[in-house]
């Protein structure tokens, strides 16, 4: 089964360095950073006794439990956080980390998709999902190899990153109520007023299919700027490359051939929400120097610029 790198201290996480704790939860977070999970649990429990609904305290409590090896209890705490705060991505992400460590890759995939459904631009969830898709592809390939050569099956290590800091930017906005207006006679809507269109899955799938075809067309026509515009700002390039280096390499590879033809064949689209979808297809690529046929998976989110790619994975 895929395994996480041993020890929470070895996992990348998103939080600023704290030179001096200024609150009980700051102290608990500092203790978690240095691996003193039992001490951190005590600090957190005392804080939650007086603030039982504190989101950050509950998140840190689950982290401390996981650090102490109480994986089952930590997973339960993350599920409780998801039930209470479905709009926050951190618990989904961290539950996925523990599920992946237990070899529950499909469950981890669903949890990460939940994180992106709650917050489509959350970079850590995108990075983890990219790694997870690679692991799922490797797992499928390993199964084929085992069928051909029983007993000789190896799996690459899977490392997903925990989120150890509640991201205030992902919290819902605070709405301050305005003074109640004086009663007024109701005004019937006029034909010029916009009417909200209900979500139609068939329309969304058609939009995703159009976006995928536009991506392939821009690539085929070697229109690099139009091609790169199909990738969202939150796109995580493969192999840890920076976005700038990845774009420079893509520009070089697209402009160099005398011609390119890219055909997405057998497109299958799975909608996870009105703003999140996955497109699977056989990518037929041909140029004057190279040709290939490979399965590809694109994870797309819908924003102001329409459907854009956030994860690209060869399967």
Protein backbone atom coordinates (compact mmCIF):
# COMPACT_ATOMS: atom_id res chain seq x y z
CA UNK A 1 0.00 0.00 0.00
CA UNK A 2 1.19 3.58 -0.58
CA UNK A 3 2.72 5.01 2.58
CA UNK A 4 3.31 8.52 3.81
CA UNK A 5 6.78 9.57 4.83
CA UNK A 6 7.21 8.51 8.47
CA UNK A 7 6.58 11.25 11.02
CA UNK A 8 4.40 14.31 10.76
CA UNK A 9 7.48 16.50 11.16
CA UNK A 10 8.67 15.40 7.73
CA UNK A 11 5.49 16.55 6.02
CA UNK A 12 5.30 19.97 4.39
CA UNK A 13 2.78 22.29 5.99
CA UNK A 14 1.53 25.82 5.64
CA UNK A 15 2.13 28.05 8.64
CA UNK A 16 4.44 30.93 9.56
CA UNK A 17 7.28 30.45 11.98
CA UNK A 18 6.23 31.37 15.48
CA UNK A 19 9.03 32.84 17.52
CA UNK A 20 6.87 33.34 20.59
CA UNK A 21 3.48 31.80 21.35
CA UNK A 22 0.88 34.47 22.05
CA UNK A 23 -2.13 32.28 22.84
CA UNK A 24 -2.85 28.73 24.05
CA UNK A 25 -3.45 27.58 20.48
CA UNK A 26 -0.24 29.23 19.27
CA UNK A 27 1.55 27.29 22.00
CA UNK A 28 -0.21 24.07 20.98
CA UNK A 29 0.77 24.63 17.35
CA UNK A 30 4.40 25.21 18.36
CA UNK A 31 4.34 21.95 20.33
CA UNK A 32 2.94 20.09 17.34
CA UNK A 33 5.71 21.52 15.14
CA UNK A 34 8.38 20.05 17.41
CA UNK A 35 6.59 16.71 17.82
CA UNK A 36 5.33 17.11 21.40
CA UNK A 37 1.84 15.88 20.60
CA UNK A 38 0.82 14.80 24.11
CA UNK A 39 1.71 18.18 25.56
CA UNK A 40 -0.12 19.87 22.71
CA UNK A 41 -3.22 17.76 23.36
CA UNK A 42 -3.32 18.91 26.97
CA UNK A 43 -3.14 22.58 25.98
CA UNK A 44 -5.83 22.11 23.33
CA UNK A 45 -8.19 20.22 25.65
CA UNK A 46 -8.01 23.00 28.21
CA UNK A 47 -8.74 25.58 25.53
CA UNK A 48 -11.67 23.61 24.08
CA UNK A 49 -13.18 23.18 27.54
CA UNK A 50 -13.96 26.88 27.44
CA UNK A 51 -14.33 27.23 23.64
CA UNK A 52 -15.85 23.92 22.44
CA UNK A 53 -16.76 25.26 18.98
CA UNK A 54 -13.38 26.83 18.16
CA UNK A 55 -12.50 25.65 14.64
CA UNK A 56 -8.75 26.10 14.94
CA UNK A 57 -8.67 24.27 18.27
CA UNK A 58 -10.57 21.31 16.82
CA UNK A 59 -8.25 21.19 13.79
CA UNK A 60 -5.16 21.20 16.03
CA UNK A 61 -6.73 18.55 18.26
CA UNK A 62 -7.07 16.20 15.28
CA UNK A 63 -3.47 16.92 14.26
CA UNK A 64 -2.22 16.07 17.76
CA UNK A 65 -4.22 12.82 17.76
CA UNK A 66 -2.73 11.82 14.41
CA UNK A 67 0.75 12.70 15.68
CA UNK A 68 0.23 10.39 18.66
CA UNK A 69 -0.72 7.53 16.35
CA UNK A 70 -4.45 7.73 17.13
CA UNK A 71 -5.30 7.70 13.45
CA UNK A 72 -8.84 6.36 13.76
CA UNK A 73 -9.82 9.00 16.31
CA UNK A 74 -8.16 11.73 14.25
CA UNK A 75 -10.14 10.66 11.18
CA UNK A 76 -13.36 10.79 13.20
CA UNK A 77 -12.51 14.32 14.36
CA UNK A 78 -11.88 15.42 10.77
CA UNK A 79 -15.22 13.93 9.70
CA UNK A 80 -16.96 15.82 12.51
CA UNK A 81 -15.27 19.05 11.37
CA UNK A 82 -16.44 18.42 7.80
CA UNK A 83 -20.02 17.91 9.02
CA UNK A 84 -19.92 21.14 11.03
CA UNK A 85 -17.91 23.23 8.54
CA UNK A 86 -18.44 21.83 5.02
CA UNK A 87 -17.28 25.16 3.57
CA UNK A 88 -13.73 24.78 4.95
CA UNK A 89 -11.06 22.77 3.03
CA UNK A 90 -8.57 21.90 5.79
CA UNK A 91 -10.37 18.93 7.37
CA UNK A 92 -11.11 17.37 3.95
CA UNK A 93 -7.43 17.66 3.02
CA UNK A 94 -6.10 16.25 6.28
CA UNK A 95 -8.61 13.39 6.26
CA UNK A 96 -7.33 12.56 2.76
CA UNK A 97 -3.74 12.47 4.06
CA UNK A 98 -4.66 9.86 6.68
CA UNK A 99 -6.78 7.87 4.23
CA UNK A 100 -3.91 7.77 1.74
CA UNK A 101 -1.55 6.63 4.49
CA UNK A 102 -3.94 3.75 5.18
CA UNK A 103 -4.00 2.83 1.49
CA UNK A 104 -7.57 4.12 1.01
CA UNK A 105 -6.73 5.96 -2.21
CA UNK A 106 -10.25 6.22 -3.61
CA UNK A 107 -11.54 7.56 -0.28
CA UNK A 108 -8.64 10.05 -0.21
CA UNK A 109 -9.56 11.14 -3.72
CA UNK A 110 -13.15 11.82 -2.67
CA UNK A 111 -11.98 13.81 0.36
CA UNK A 112 -9.66 15.97 -1.75
CA UNK A 113 -12.44 16.60 -4.23
CA UNK A 114 -14.54 17.70 -1.27
CA UNK A 115 -11.80 20.16 -0.30
CA UNK A 116 -11.77 21.61 -3.81
CA UNK A 117 -15.56 21.71 -3.93
CA UNK A 118 -15.53 23.82 -0.76
CA UNK A 119 -12.64 26.00 -1.94
CA UNK A 120 -11.73 25.45 -5.64
CA UNK A 121 -8.52 27.51 -5.54
CA UNK A 122 -6.97 25.85 -2.47
CA UNK A 123 -3.40 25.18 -3.63
CA UNK A 124 -2.49 22.44 -1.13
CA UNK A 125 -5.50 20.33 -2.04
CA UNK A 126 -4.65 20.72 -5.74
CA UNK A 127 -1.06 19.62 -5.12
CA UNK A 128 -2.18 16.61 -3.07
CA UNK A 129 -4.77 15.61 -5.69
CA UNK A 130 -2.10 15.80 -8.39
CA UNK A 131 0.11 13.42 -6.39
CA UNK A 132 -2.85 11.16 -5.67
CA UNK A 133 -3.81 10.88 -9.34
CA UNK A 134 -0.21 9.89 -10.08
CA UNK A 135 -0.38 7.23 -7.34
CA UNK A 136 -3.69 5.88 -8.68
CA UNK A 137 -2.17 5.62 -12.14
CA UNK A 138 0.90 3.85 -10.72
CA UNK A 139 -1.36 1.49 -8.76
CA UNK A 140 -3.26 0.54 -11.91
CA UNK A 141 0.02 -0.03 -13.75
CA UNK A 142 1.35 -2.12 -10.86
CA UNK A 143 -1.73 -4.33 -11.04
CA UNK A 144 -1.05 -5.00 -14.73
CA UNK A 145 2.58 -5.87 -13.98
CA UNK A 146 1.55 -8.21 -11.16
CA UNK A 147 -0.83 -10.05 -13.47
CA UNK A 148 2.05 -10.62 -15.85
CA UNK A 149 4.63 -11.35 -13.16
CA UNK A 150 2.91 -12.47 -9.91
CA UNK A 151 4.70 -11.59 -6.70
CA UNK A 152 6.70 -8.79 -8.28
CA UNK A 153 4.72 -5.69 -7.43
CA UNK A 154 6.24 -2.45 -6.23
CA UNK A 155 4.48 0.80 -5.41
CA UNK A 156 6.02 4.25 -5.18
CA UNK A 157 5.73 6.09 -1.89
CA UNK A 158 2.90 8.60 -1.73
CA UNK A 159 3.51 11.79 0.20
CA UNK A 160 0.62 14.15 0.83
CA UNK A 161 0.91 17.33 2.86
CA UNK A 162 -1.11 18.17 5.94
CA UNK A 163 -2.57 21.60 6.54
CA UNK A 164 -1.68 22.66 10.07
CA UNK A 165 -3.03 26.19 10.02
CA UNK A 166 -6.67 27.18 9.64
CA UNK A 167 -6.69 29.45 6.61
CA UNK A 168 -8.63 32.57 7.44
CA UNK A 169 -8.87 33.40 3.75
CA UNK A 170 -11.03 30.31 3.22
CA UNK A 171 -13.47 31.22 5.95
CA UNK A 172 -16.87 32.56 4.91
CA UNK A 173 -17.07 36.36 4.97
CA UNK A 174 -18.47 38.13 8.01
CA UNK A 175 -21.68 39.88 7.05
CA UNK A 176 -22.67 42.93 9.09
CA UNK A 177 -26.41 43.50 9.06
CA UNK A 178 -27.51 46.91 7.80
CA UNK A 179 -30.33 48.82 9.51
CA UNK A 180 -33.71 47.54 8.43
CA UNK A 181 -35.21 49.75 5.69
CA UNK A 182 -38.62 51.33 6.03
CA UNK A 183 -41.45 49.17 4.65
CA UNK A 184 -42.14 49.79 1.00
CA UNK A 185 -44.68 48.57 -1.45
CA UNK A 186 -43.49 45.45 -3.28
CA UNK A 187 -42.29 46.06 -6.81
CA UNK A 188 -42.96 43.23 -9.28
CA UNK A 189 -39.92 42.07 -11.28
CA UNK A 190 -39.58 43.45 -14.77
CA UNK A 191 -38.55 41.37 -17.81
CA UNK A 192 -35.17 43.17 -17.84
CA UNK A 193 -34.18 41.89 -14.40
CA UNK A 194 -31.77 38.92 -14.47
CA UNK A 195 -33.21 35.56 -13.49
CA UNK A 196 -30.92 32.99 -11.91
CA UNK A 197 -30.55 29.97 -14.14
CA UNK A 198 -30.71 26.62 -12.29
CA UNK A 199 -27.72 24.33 -12.61
CA UNK A 200 -28.07 22.01 -15.58
CA UNK A 201 -25.55 19.10 -15.59
CA UNK A 202 -25.97 18.54 -19.32
CA UNK A 203 -25.08 22.17 -20.03
CA UNK A 204 -22.08 21.97 -17.68
CA UNK A 205 -20.80 18.82 -19.40
CA UNK A 206 -21.13 20.51 -22.78
CA UNK A 207 -19.16 23.49 -21.47
CA UNK A 208 -16.41 21.21 -20.16
CA UNK A 209 -16.27 19.36 -23.49
CA UNK A 210 -15.98 22.70 -25.30
CA UNK A 211 -13.17 23.79 -22.95
CA UNK A 212 -11.24 20.57 -23.55
CA UNK A 213 -11.65 20.92 -27.31
CA UNK A 214 -10.53 24.57 -27.16
CA UNK A 215 -7.42 23.47 -25.25
CA UNK A 216 -6.64 20.78 -27.86
CA UNK A 217 -7.33 23.19 -30.75
CA UNK A 218 -5.02 25.89 -29.35
CA UNK A 219 -2.32 23.24 -28.92
CA UNK A 220 -2.84 21.91 -32.47
CA UNK A 221 -2.70 25.41 -33.96
CA UNK A 222 0.41 26.13 -31.86
CA UNK A 223 -1.28 29.18 -30.35
CA UNK A 224 0.72 29.10 -27.13
CA UNK A 225 -0.93 32.03 -25.35
CA UNK A 226 -4.41 30.64 -26.00
CA UNK A 227 -3.20 27.19 -24.87
CA UNK A 228 -1.72 28.51 -21.62
CA UNK A 229 -4.90 30.50 -20.95
CA UNK A 230 -6.75 27.19 -20.59
CA UNK A 231 -4.84 26.59 -17.32
CA UNK A 232 -6.14 28.17 -14.11
CA UNK A 233 -3.99 30.33 -11.85
CA UNK A 234 -4.16 27.50 -9.28
CA UNK A 235 -2.72 24.92 -11.74
CA UNK A 236 0.10 22.89 -10.17
CA UNK A 237 2.72 21.89 -12.78
CA UNK A 238 3.89 18.26 -12.57
CA UNK A 239 7.24 17.19 -11.15
CA UNK A 240 7.46 20.19 -8.83
CA UNK A 241 8.34 22.66 -11.60
CA UNK A 242 7.55 26.35 -11.11
CA UNK A 243 4.71 27.77 -13.18
CA UNK A 244 7.16 30.06 -14.98
CA UNK A 245 9.56 27.23 -15.91
CA UNK A 246 6.68 24.97 -16.95
CA UNK A 247 5.21 27.65 -19.24
CA UNK A 248 8.61 28.31 -20.82
CA UNK A 249 9.09 24.60 -21.53
CA UNK A 250 5.57 24.23 -22.94
CA UNK A 251 6.13 27.24 -25.21
CA UNK A 252 9.35 25.71 -26.54
CA UNK A 253 7.77 22.30 -27.17
CA UNK A 254 4.68 23.71 -28.85
CA UNK A 255 6.42 26.24 -31.11
CA UNK A 256 9.30 23.96 -32.21
CA UNK A 257 7.52 21.35 -34.42
CA UNK A 258 6.55 22.12 -38.00
CA UNK A 259 3.02 20.96 -37.22
CA UNK A 260 1.04 19.47 -34.30
CA UNK A 261 -2.24 17.58 -34.19
CA UNK A 262 -3.94 16.82 -30.85
CA UNK A 263 -7.22 14.88 -30.79
CA UNK A 264 -9.06 14.12 -27.49
CA UNK A 265 -10.89 10.87 -28.28
CA UNK A 266 -13.61 9.11 -26.22
CA UNK A 267 -14.14 12.07 -23.89
CA UNK A 268 -15.81 11.13 -20.59
CA UNK A 269 -16.81 13.88 -18.18
CA UNK A 270 -17.58 13.47 -14.47
CA UNK A 271 -19.18 16.40 -12.64
CA UNK A 272 -18.40 16.71 -8.94
CA UNK A 273 -20.17 20.04 -8.47
CA UNK A 274 -21.30 23.03 -10.58
CA UNK A 275 -17.70 24.29 -10.46
CA UNK A 276 -15.60 21.11 -10.48
CA UNK A 277 -15.30 18.40 -13.14
CA UNK A 278 -12.92 15.78 -14.50
CA UNK A 279 -12.40 14.94 -18.16
CA UNK A 280 -10.90 11.57 -19.15
CA UNK A 281 -9.95 10.77 -22.74
CA UNK A 282 -7.45 9.15 -25.08
CA UNK A 283 -5.06 11.84 -26.28
CA UNK A 284 -3.85 11.22 -29.82
CA UNK A 285 -0.80 13.39 -30.46
CA UNK A 286 1.08 13.71 -33.76
CA UNK A 287 3.78 16.07 -35.01
CA UNK A 288 6.52 15.96 -37.63
CA UNK A 289 8.92 14.55 -35.00
CA UNK A 290 6.82 12.48 -32.60
CA UNK A 291 3.50 10.67 -32.14
CA UNK A 292 1.81 9.06 -29.13
CA UNK A 293 -1.49 7.76 -27.79
CA UNK A 294 -1.99 8.05 -24.04
CA UNK A 295 -4.80 8.24 -21.51
CA UNK A 296 -5.14 11.67 -19.97
CA UNK A 297 -7.15 13.12 -17.09
CA UNK A 298 -7.90 16.82 -16.63
CA UNK A 299 -9.42 18.28 -13.48
CA UNK A 300 -11.16 21.55 -14.29
CA UNK A 301 -12.74 24.28 -12.20
CA UNK A 302 -15.23 26.89 -13.35
CA UNK A 303 -14.47 30.53 -12.57
CA UNK A 304 -14.83 33.95 -14.16
CA UNK A 305 -12.78 32.76 -17.17
CA UNK A 306 -14.94 29.66 -17.63
CA UNK A 307 -13.69 26.09 -17.23
CA UNK A 308 -9.92 25.93 -16.73
CA UNK A 309 -7.46 23.13 -15.95
CA UNK A 310 -6.08 22.81 -12.42
CA UNK A 311 -4.62 19.28 -12.62
CA UNK A 312 -3.30 17.46 -15.70
CA UNK A 313 -2.43 13.81 -15.33
CA UNK A 314 -1.27 11.09 -17.73
CA UNK A 315 -2.92 7.87 -16.58
